Amino acid sequence: MTMPPIALYNTLTRRREPLQTGVPDAVTLYVCGPTVYNHAHIGNARPAVVFDVLVRLLRRRYRAVRYARNLTDVDDRINEMARRDGVPIGEVTSRYIDAYHEDMQSLGVLPPDIEPRVTAHIPDIIALIEALVERGHAYVAQGHVVFHVPSFPAYGRLSGRRTQDMIAGARVEVAPYKRDPLDFVLWKPSTDDISGWDSPWGRGRPGWHIECSAMIGRHLGRTIDIHGGGQDLIFPHHENEIAQGVCAHDGEPYCRMWVHNSFVTVDGQKMSKSLGNVLLVRDLLAHAPGEAVRLALLSTHYRHPLDWTVQRLQAACRTLQRAYMALDAVSGLPHLGTGPDSEVEATLSNDLNVPRALARLYRLLQDLEQASQGPSQQWAKARLLASAQLLGLLQQDPAQALVALRGRIDATSVTDDAWVESIVARRGEARRQQAFGEADALRDELLRAGIQIEDTLEGTVWHRSHGVRA
């Protein structure tokens, strides 16, 4: 089967497009990483896992992949924490960088090719700001260097926001030294008690947005192929990145394709400190293996909101237990080298449709369970493992994985009714839009959770495997 080209939904153009790179058979990818002042929560983990799957797919299709994911290690919250504890900012950031690496490794996230830190790129940041001032796109005011948004007429194209809407937005800082309300800070002064570096504009530190543009220019070039991150970064962060990158380089494109994952909620509510529902990855790892957390994060399409529930995590544990039991039963078979299932790869190539790929993976698992002993069993095992590897799943020793899962699955837990109803409703909408592949994937997600469904003239009814619910 000839593989279709990788196609992704481009936030900039608002449509799904075949990936076209600047250099044939090579791709550059940058993803915004964490600001390292706290432990990673599942909202931080979702883009790390999503783009890990994308990178795995890209490496299968492209000869050269250069993947950068940054670490923001200077920030006002970091400064405040260091000042409170009486330690250098490097002591704070090192602690949380190590913790982030541990958490992501537990989730099976492969390290990026490049992991630039802001503090190692101050000269690059200063040079980029100087270029913007020289070209008339930035100005100096009260010790700050500020980007002048009206100098870039295309501003707002990525987010699709009108100027008046952006001005009214809560994330636009109002300051007396700005010529325009939308102008944003590139460099700001530092007092003696917080981190700062010498610059042509005095001792100071960079603004948030300029950092990524400078690190991209330093490691990936003026125009990159893919820029990824969470949906919350579209405005103002990524909007501002485009303005900086294009204006500093005399109109050259900044990025060909923008890819954003949607939000994570917890039991139907937005994560927030005030609600006390911010779920840290390391806390979840006390209740389930990292692979189960990863599978739960992948169970909804990356562009759809993901509602985190205990039931979702339990369903992931049960799925992994079944898969590793099947693999443990054939662990004595010699390894057979093969590529992934063509349908799994093709599905991932279609805007990274992981839920549908998981549905296909589930059928490959059934093939293994039903295969007769001998070559057919060996082939089924090899195809399942090669396909799961694209998703970062089922690569552990089966016996060890089953030990890790033991005691983590609550046999009495049941899938939440609200979650079932939401999946049924999404499947119904997919069917109405004739998105039958997505509908099938949602059906299989319900089956994995022990939910049977039936389409009738009155609508879809569902019931649990051990009971009835209409």
Foldseek 3Di string as FASTA:
>chain_A
DDFDAFWAQFLLVRGIDGFDFPDPLEAEEEEEAEAQQDFAFVQRVLVLQLVLLVVLLSVVRGVYYAYEYEYEQADVSLQVVCLVVVHASVVNRVVRVVNRVVLNVLLLRDDGNYYYYLVVQPVLLQVLLVLCVVLPQWDDFPLWIKGQVVVPVCQCSSVVDDPVVLLPDPPQDDDPRDPDSNIGTQWHADDPSGDWDQHPSGTTGGDDQSRVLSVCCVPPNLEGREYEYAPVCSPPRVSVSQVSSCSSVVRDGRYNGYHHFYGEAEPPHRDDVVVPPGGGSVVVCVQAGSNLSSVLSLQAQRNDYRYDYPLSSLLSLLVQLLLLVLCLVCVVPDADADAEDSVLSSCCSHNHNRLLSVLVLVVLSVQLVPDDPDPSNNVSSNRSVNSVVSSSPDPDNSVVNNVRSPPSHDPPDADDPVVVVVLQVVLVVCVVVVVVSSNSSSQSSCVSRQKDWDQDPVGIAIQGVVGGGD
